[in-house]
Amino acid sequence: MKARKIAVLLSILAVLAIASGCSLLGGFARGGTGFAITADPPGGHPPFSVTLTATPYQQDGHIYGTYVWETPQGSYSIAGNNVFSIYVTDRDWEITGYWVNGNEESSKATVSIGLQNSPPAIFEPLNNGRHDRFLRPGPSEHILWWPVNKVLDSYAIDRRGIYDAEGDDVTVLDIQIRCSSKGVNDTIFMPPFTKLATGQMRYQVNTQGGQYKNAVLFYPGFTSPRFDEAGRPYGMGPLDGSYGWDPCHTFGLGCGSLGCCVYIYILVEDEWGSRNSAVFLWPMEDMTMCNGLTVGNGPFPTNVNYDLYNDAPDSWGNGSGSGAVWGHDDDIDLIEPY
């Protein structure tokens, strides 16, 4: 009888111990199973603030124990508080958290902070710094220039350039130009022909009148069939004066007629990897030559508008092109007239 009472008493004590343990863990078993983290907001455009809330461990209605947060900026230990705010400064952010109290430790939970980023909007370029679309055939020089986030408010009647809603830096990846009556691209020039750290040509034009970023110089309807010793295509005008030869010559593949339409293609990417492209149709001397033509039946891809970070780039993403376009087809030394 005495032994039975002792057994019953031990059973009661064991139940009380288990209940006490569960109470201390706020309904979670020893070892912290079920630990979770939520992020508010779950994503955004860096830099932005995010608040992380972890599973609360309570005793007598109060959070207890220490929460440990492992972030790209370092580790943080916060006692008695399951809420943690941090400033997100980059993409690919993952934050891991867990709870500890003496010898007790919860399982770890990881939350990924998403990137929210819209691609740049592309409008028509400025033509030699002006808001016109009239092209004269070579040897007239034309500079097509896409200024970024300049005079592009929502009330602008004739927007020109590139607009990024988040104010990101924008890099031009590819520009191609082709006369509608030709089977090859017009040659584009970017004097002084410098390259980015990635090895890609820098779309920048330096002239005596100033520097144009996100721009190309070209002679409408002109494709250079010859290159100098440095591999640079012959131009029809003075360019930036860095050539060792007389640029005034008669070489080149022109349009079938002076009256034609010119396709202008541009592909851009912002600093967070979102890309967009656009194709424009501009007349050369005779606007009627563009009648019936659309960007869809031209030589360049349309509707790129994708996020490089989430979607695989298409075959045009590396600036591939056709024709004698400086910076794209370095293997082409000579294009025979047709």
Protein backbone atom coordinates (compact mmCIF):
# COMPACT_ATOMS: atom_id res chain seq x y z
CA MET A 1 0.00 0.00 0.00
CA LYS A 2 2.81 2.32 0.94
CA ALA A 3 4.67 1.51 -2.29
CA ARG A 4 1.53 2.22 -4.31
CA LYS A 5 1.15 5.66 -2.68
CA ILE A 6 4.76 6.46 -3.45
CA ALA A 7 4.27 5.43 -7.11
CA VAL A 8 1.14 7.58 -7.40
CA LEU A 9 2.97 10.51 -5.82
CA LEU A 10 5.87 10.14 -8.25
CA SER A 11 3.44 10.03 -11.17
CA ILE A 12 1.77 13.25 -9.98
CA LEU A 13 5.15 14.95 -9.60
CA ALA A 14 6.16 13.86 -13.09
CA VAL A 15 2.94 15.27 -14.58
CA LEU A 16 3.47 18.55 -12.73
CA ALA A 17 7.05 18.75 -13.96
CA ILE A 18 5.97 18.25 -17.56
CA ALA A 19 3.18 20.81 -17.20
CA SER A 20 5.59 23.26 -15.63
CA GLY A 21 8.03 22.78 -18.47
CA CYS A 22 5.37 23.35 -21.11
CA SER A 23 4.23 26.48 -19.30
CA LEU A 24 7.73 27.90 -19.30
CA LEU A 25 8.03 27.35 -23.03
CA GLY A 26 4.71 29.03 -23.74
CA GLY A 27 3.09 25.92 -25.14
CA PHE A 28 6.20 24.64 -26.96
CA ALA A 29 7.93 21.44 -25.90
CA ARG A 30 11.44 21.44 -24.51
CA GLY A 31 13.89 22.12 -27.33
CA GLY A 32 11.69 24.81 -28.90
CA THR A 33 9.99 22.85 -31.64
CA GLY A 34 7.79 24.92 -33.96
CA PHE A 35 10.01 28.03 -33.90
CA ALA A 36 9.12 30.36 -36.79
CA ILE A 37 9.87 33.86 -38.12
CA THR A 38 7.73 36.24 -40.18
CA ALA A 39 8.97 39.31 -42.08
CA ASP A 40 7.02 42.55 -42.57
CA PRO A 41 7.24 43.53 -45.36
CA PRO A 42 8.37 40.25 -46.93
CA GLY A 43 10.31 42.17 -49.59
CA GLY A 44 11.08 45.58 -50.96
CA HIS A 45 13.52 47.72 -52.88
CA PRO A 46 16.82 48.25 -51.04
CA PRO A 47 17.41 50.09 -48.90
CA PHE A 48 14.30 49.50 -46.78
CA SER A 49 13.41 48.54 -43.21
CA VAL A 50 11.96 45.11 -42.36
CA THR A 51 10.54 43.96 -39.03
CA LEU A 52 11.07 40.32 -38.03
CA THR A 53 8.78 38.65 -35.50
CA ALA A 54 9.73 35.30 -33.98
CA THR A 55 7.72 32.77 -32.01
CA PRO A 56 7.15 34.25 -28.52
CA TYR A 57 8.42 32.30 -25.51
CA GLN A 58 6.50 33.60 -22.49
CA GLN A 59 6.49 33.19 -18.75
CA ASP A 60 3.77 34.86 -16.69
CA GLY A 61 2.73 36.79 -19.78
CA HIS A 62 6.21 38.18 -20.49
CA ILE A 63 8.74 37.31 -23.19
CA TYR A 64 11.81 35.72 -21.68
CA GLY A 65 15.03 34.20 -22.93
CA THR A 66 17.36 35.55 -25.61
CA TYR A 67 16.69 35.76 -29.34
CA VAL A 68 19.71 35.45 -31.63
CA TRP A 69 19.57 36.90 -35.15
CA GLU A 70 22.18 36.02 -37.77
CA THR A 71 22.14 38.58 -40.60
CA PRO A 72 24.44 39.60 -43.48
CA GLN A 73 25.42 42.56 -41.30
CA GLY A 74 26.40 40.41 -38.31
CA SER A 75 24.83 38.56 -35.35
CA TYR A 76 22.59 40.21 -32.76
CA SER A 77 21.43 38.88 -29.37
CA ILE A 78 18.32 40.46 -27.88
CA ALA A 79 17.01 39.45 -24.46
CA GLY A 80 13.30 39.47 -23.66
CA ASN A 81 12.10 40.65 -27.07
CA ASN A 82 11.02 38.51 -30.02
CA VAL A 83 10.76 41.46 -32.45
CA PHE A 84 13.76 42.69 -34.41
CA SER A 85 14.02 45.45 -37.06
CA ILE A 86 16.85 45.78 -39.56
CA TYR A 87 17.70 47.89 -42.62
CA VAL A 88 18.00 45.75 -45.75
CA THR A 89 20.69 47.09 -48.08
CA ASP A 90 21.07 44.34 -50.66
CA ARG A 91 19.25 41.50 -52.39
CA ASP A 92 19.69 37.79 -51.63
CA TRP A 93 19.22 38.52 -47.94
CA GLU A 94 18.55 35.60 -45.63
CA ILE A 95 18.17 36.00 -41.87
CA THR A 96 18.33 33.10 -39.42
CA GLY A 97 16.97 33.32 -35.89
CA TYR A 98 16.61 31.12 -32.83
CA TRP A 99 15.79 31.34 -29.11
CA VAL A 100 18.06 30.33 -26.20
CA ASN A 101 17.63 30.24 -22.43
CA GLY A 102 20.33 28.57 -20.43
CA ASN A 103 20.67 25.03 -21.70
CA GLU A 104 17.50 25.28 -23.75
CA GLU A 105 17.64 26.20 -27.42
CA SER A 106 14.96 26.29 -30.08
CA SER A 107 15.29 25.01 -33.60
CA LYS A 108 16.53 27.60 -36.11
CA ALA A 109 14.32 29.30 -38.67
CA THR A 110 15.42 31.19 -41.78
CA VAL A 111 13.48 33.85 -43.66
CA SER A 112 14.37 35.18 -47.14
CA ILE A 113 13.82 38.86 -47.88
CA GLY A 114 12.48 39.33 -51.40
CA LEU A 115 13.56 41.92 -53.96
CA GLN A 116 10.88 44.16 -55.43
CA ASN A 117 12.22 46.11 -58.38
CA SER A 118 10.58 47.44 -61.52
CA PRO A 119 12.50 47.61 -64.82
CA PRO A 120 13.46 51.00 -66.25
CA ALA A 121 11.02 52.68 -68.62
CA ILE A 122 12.53 53.61 -71.98
CA PHE A 123 11.38 56.53 -74.08
CA GLU A 124 12.68 57.85 -77.38
CA PRO A 125 16.20 59.32 -77.36
CA LEU A 126 17.21 62.89 -77.83
CA ASN A 127 18.57 63.45 -81.33
CA ASN A 128 21.68 65.63 -81.18
CA GLY A 129 20.26 67.01 -77.95
CA ARG A 130 16.94 67.95 -79.52
CA HIS A 131 13.38 66.63 -79.26
CA ASP A 132 13.06 65.70 -82.93
CA ARG A 133 12.94 62.44 -84.85
CA PHE A 134 14.20 63.64 -88.22
CA LEU A 135 17.26 61.80 -89.56
CA ARG A 136 19.48 62.88 -92.41
CA PRO A 137 21.50 60.25 -94.25
CA GLY A 138 25.28 60.12 -93.84
CA PRO A 139 27.66 61.90 -93.80
CA SER A 140 25.50 63.78 -91.25
CA GLU A 141 26.44 62.80 -87.70
CA HIS A 142 23.64 61.96 -85.32
CA ILE A 143 24.01 61.34 -81.58
CA LEU A 144 21.16 59.36 -80.04
CA TRP A 145 21.21 60.07 -76.31
CA TRP A 146 19.10 58.58 -73.52
CA PRO A 147 19.56 60.72 -70.38
CA VAL A 148 18.52 58.88 -67.20
CA ASN A 149 15.82 60.37 -64.94
CA LYS A 150 16.10 63.81 -66.51
CA VAL A 151 12.95 65.89 -67.16
CA LEU A 152 10.77 62.80 -67.30
CA ASP A 153 7.92 63.79 -64.99
CA SER A 154 4.46 62.35 -65.54
CA TYR A 155 3.24 65.56 -67.16
CA ALA A 156 5.87 65.65 -69.89
CA ILE A 157 4.33 65.78 -73.36
CA ASP A 158 7.38 64.42 -75.17
CA ARG A 159 9.41 62.25 -72.84
CA ARG A 160 12.95 61.43 -73.89
CA GLY A 161 15.46 59.14 -72.21
CA ILE A 162 15.27 56.45 -69.53
CA TYR A 163 13.26 56.63 -66.32
CA ASP A 164 13.77 54.33 -63.34
CA ALA A 165 11.00 54.65 -60.78
CA GLU A 166 13.29 53.69 -57.89
CA GLY A 167 16.05 56.06 -59.01
CA ASP A 168 18.51 53.24 -59.72
CA ASP A 169 21.61 53.54 -61.84
CA VAL A 170 20.99 52.26 -65.35
CA THR A 171 23.48 50.63 -67.73
CA VAL A 172 22.94 50.35 -71.47
CA LEU A 173 23.72 46.79 -72.57
CA ASP A 174 23.01 47.03 -76.27
CA ILE A 175 22.09 49.54 -78.96
CA GLN A 176 21.53 48.53 -82.57
CA ILE A 177 20.34 50.50 -85.56
CA ARG A 178 19.24 49.29 -88.98
CA CYS A 179 17.86 50.94 -92.06
CA SER A 180 14.70 49.18 -93.25
CA SER A 181 16.08 48.72 -96.76
CA LYS A 182 19.25 46.94 -95.56
CA GLY A 183 20.05 43.47 -94.34
CA VAL A 184 22.83 44.59 -91.98
CA ASN A 185 23.01 47.03 -89.10
CA ASP A 186 24.25 50.56 -89.35
CA THR A 187 27.63 51.01 -87.69
CA ILE A 188 27.49 52.72 -84.32
CA PHE A 189 30.37 54.63 -82.76
CA MET A 190 31.14 55.39 -79.13
CA PRO A 191 34.24 57.60 -79.17
CA PRO A 192 36.59 57.33 -77.35
CA PHE A 193 35.67 53.60 -77.33
CA THR A 194 36.24 52.81 -73.66
CA LYS A 195 35.11 49.67 -71.86
CA LEU A 196 33.38 48.94 -68.57
CA ALA A 197 34.97 46.79 -65.87
CA THR A 198 32.98 43.87 -67.27
CA GLY A 199 34.74 44.25 -70.62
CA GLN A 200 31.60 45.51 -72.32
CA MET A 201 31.79 48.59 -74.50
CA ARG A 202 30.72 51.79 -72.77
CA TYR A 203 27.87 53.49 -74.57
CA GLN A 204 29.23 56.99 -74.23
CA VAL A 205 30.06 59.67 -76.78
CA ASN A 206 32.61 62.41 -76.14
CA THR A 207 32.61 65.42 -78.42
CA GLN A 208 33.92 68.95 -78.26
CA GLY A 209 30.41 69.95 -77.25
CA GLY A 210 30.30 67.68 -74.21
CA GLN A 211 29.92 64.14 -72.92
CA TYR A 212 26.84 62.04 -73.61
CA LYS A 213 26.30 58.99 -71.42
CA ASN A 214 24.02 56.23 -72.70
CA ALA A 215 24.50 57.35 -76.27
CA VAL A 216 25.84 56.35 -79.68
CA LEU A 217 27.00 58.31 -82.69
CA PHE A 218 26.02 57.07 -86.13
CA TYR A 219 25.54 58.15 -89.73
CA PRO A 220 22.02 57.07 -90.72
CA GLY A 221 22.17 54.39 -93.38
CA PHE A 222 25.94 53.89 -93.12
CA THR A 223 27.64 50.54 -92.48
CA SER A 224 31.41 50.66 -92.39
CA PRO A 225 33.08 47.96 -94.53
CA ARG A 226 36.59 48.69 -93.24
CA PHE A 227 38.42 48.99 -89.94
CA ASP A 228 41.67 50.60 -88.85
CA GLU A 229 44.65 48.87 -87.23
CA ALA A 230 42.98 49.05 -83.80
CA GLY A 231 39.87 47.32 -85.09
CA ARG A 232 37.77 50.46 -85.07
CA PRO A 233 35.30 50.99 -87.93
CA TYR A 234 35.79 53.80 -90.39
CA GLY A 235 33.42 56.70 -89.94
CA MET A 236 32.14 59.33 -92.33
CA GLY A 237 32.94 62.32 -90.15
CA PRO A 238 35.50 63.63 -87.66
CA LEU A 239 34.21 61.70 -84.63
CA ASP A 240 36.43 62.59 -81.64
CA GLY A 241 39.69 63.13 -83.56
CA SER A 242 41.37 60.03 -82.13
CA TYR A 243 41.73 58.30 -85.49
CA GLY A 244 45.05 58.23 -87.31
CA TRP A 245 43.42 58.36 -90.74
CA ASP A 246 41.36 60.81 -92.71
CA PRO A 247 37.73 60.01 -91.83
CA CYS A 248 36.39 61.72 -94.94
CA HIS A 249 36.02 58.92 -97.48
CA THR A 250 33.43 57.19 -99.63
CA PHE A 251 33.48 53.68 -98.14
CA GLY A 252 30.28 52.28 -96.76
CA LEU A 253 27.05 50.45 -97.37
CA GLY A 254 24.19 52.87 -97.70
CA CYS A 255 20.44 52.42 -97.78
CA GLY A 256 18.77 51.27 -100.96
CA SER A 257 17.18 54.70 -101.14
CA LEU A 258 17.36 57.88 -99.12
CA GLY A 259 13.72 57.55 -98.22
CA CYS A 260 13.49 54.70 -95.69
CA CYS A 261 12.69 53.94 -92.09
CA VAL A 262 15.26 53.36 -89.34
CA TYR A 263 14.85 50.78 -86.56
CA ILE A 264 16.49 51.78 -83.26
CA TYR A 265 16.90 49.07 -80.60
CA ILE A 266 18.09 49.55 -77.02
CA LEU A 267 18.46 47.11 -74.10
CA VAL A 268 19.09 48.43 -70.57
CA GLU A 269 19.54 47.04 -67.07
CA ASP A 270 19.27 48.72 -63.69
CA GLU A 271 21.66 48.11 -60.80
CA TRP A 272 19.40 45.42 -59.32
CA GLY A 273 19.23 43.33 -62.49
CA SER A 274 15.87 44.31 -64.01
CA ARG A 275 16.04 44.74 -67.78
CA ASN A 276 13.88 46.34 -70.41
CA SER A 277 14.18 46.97 -74.13
CA ALA A 278 12.52 49.18 -76.68
CA VAL A 279 12.41 49.53 -80.45
CA PHE A 280 11.69 52.84 -82.17
CA LEU A 281 10.89 53.59 -85.80
CA TRP A 282 12.27 56.88 -87.10
CA PRO A 283 11.92 58.20 -90.65
CA MET A 284 14.85 59.25 -92.77
CA GLU A 285 13.84 62.19 -94.95
CA ASP A 286 10.51 60.65 -95.97
CA MET A 287 8.04 59.86 -93.19
CA THR A 288 5.78 57.90 -95.56
CA MET A 289 8.44 55.17 -95.77
CA CYS A 290 7.46 54.13 -92.22
CA ASN A 291 3.83 53.59 -93.20
CA GLY A 292 2.77 50.03 -92.56
CA LEU A 293 5.92 49.15 -90.61
CA THR A 294 5.84 48.14 -86.95
CA VAL A 295 8.50 47.23 -84.42
CA GLY A 296 7.13 43.70 -84.49
CA ASN A 297 8.14 43.07 -88.10
CA GLY A 298 11.59 44.60 -87.66
CA PRO A 299 14.94 42.85 -87.14
CA PHE A 300 15.15 43.30 -83.38
CA PRO A 301 13.45 41.55 -80.43
CA THR A 302 10.57 43.29 -78.71
CA ASN A 303 8.98 43.13 -75.27
CA VAL A 304 12.04 42.03 -73.32
CA ASN A 305 10.91 43.62 -70.05
CA TYR A 306 12.11 40.94 -67.67
CA ASP A 307 13.88 40.71 -64.36
CA LEU A 308 17.41 39.38 -64.81
CA TYR A 309 17.46 38.24 -61.20
CA ASN A 310 14.37 36.07 -61.48
CA ASP A 311 14.28 35.20 -65.18
CA ALA A 312 16.94 33.85 -67.49
CA PRO A 313 18.21 36.45 -69.99
CA ASP A 314 17.51 35.83 -73.64
CA SER A 315 20.10 35.46 -76.36
CA TRP A 316 20.24 39.21 -76.82
CA GLY A 317 21.26 39.81 -73.22
CA ASN A 318 24.97 39.88 -73.97
CA GLY A 319 24.67 42.47 -76.70
CA SER A 320 24.84 40.14 -79.68
CA GLY A 321 24.19 41.77 -83.00
CA SER A 322 24.51 41.48 -86.72
CA GLY A 323 26.40 43.67 -89.12
CA ALA A 324 29.46 45.78 -88.49
CA VAL A 325 28.56 47.17 -85.11
CA TRP A 326 31.53 48.22 -83.00
CA GLY A 327 31.65 46.34 -79.75
CA HIS A 328 29.44 43.47 -80.91
CA ASP A 329 30.97 41.69 -83.91
CA ASP A 330 34.72 41.95 -83.43
CA ASP A 331 35.32 39.04 -85.81
CA ILE A 332 33.87 40.89 -88.79
CA ASP A 333 36.70 42.71 -90.58
CA LEU A 334 35.06 43.37 -93.90
CA ILE A 335 31.52 43.42 -95.20
CA GLU A 336 31.30 43.17 -98.95
CA PRO A 337 28.88 45.53 -100.73
CA TYR A 338 25.77 43.93 -102.13
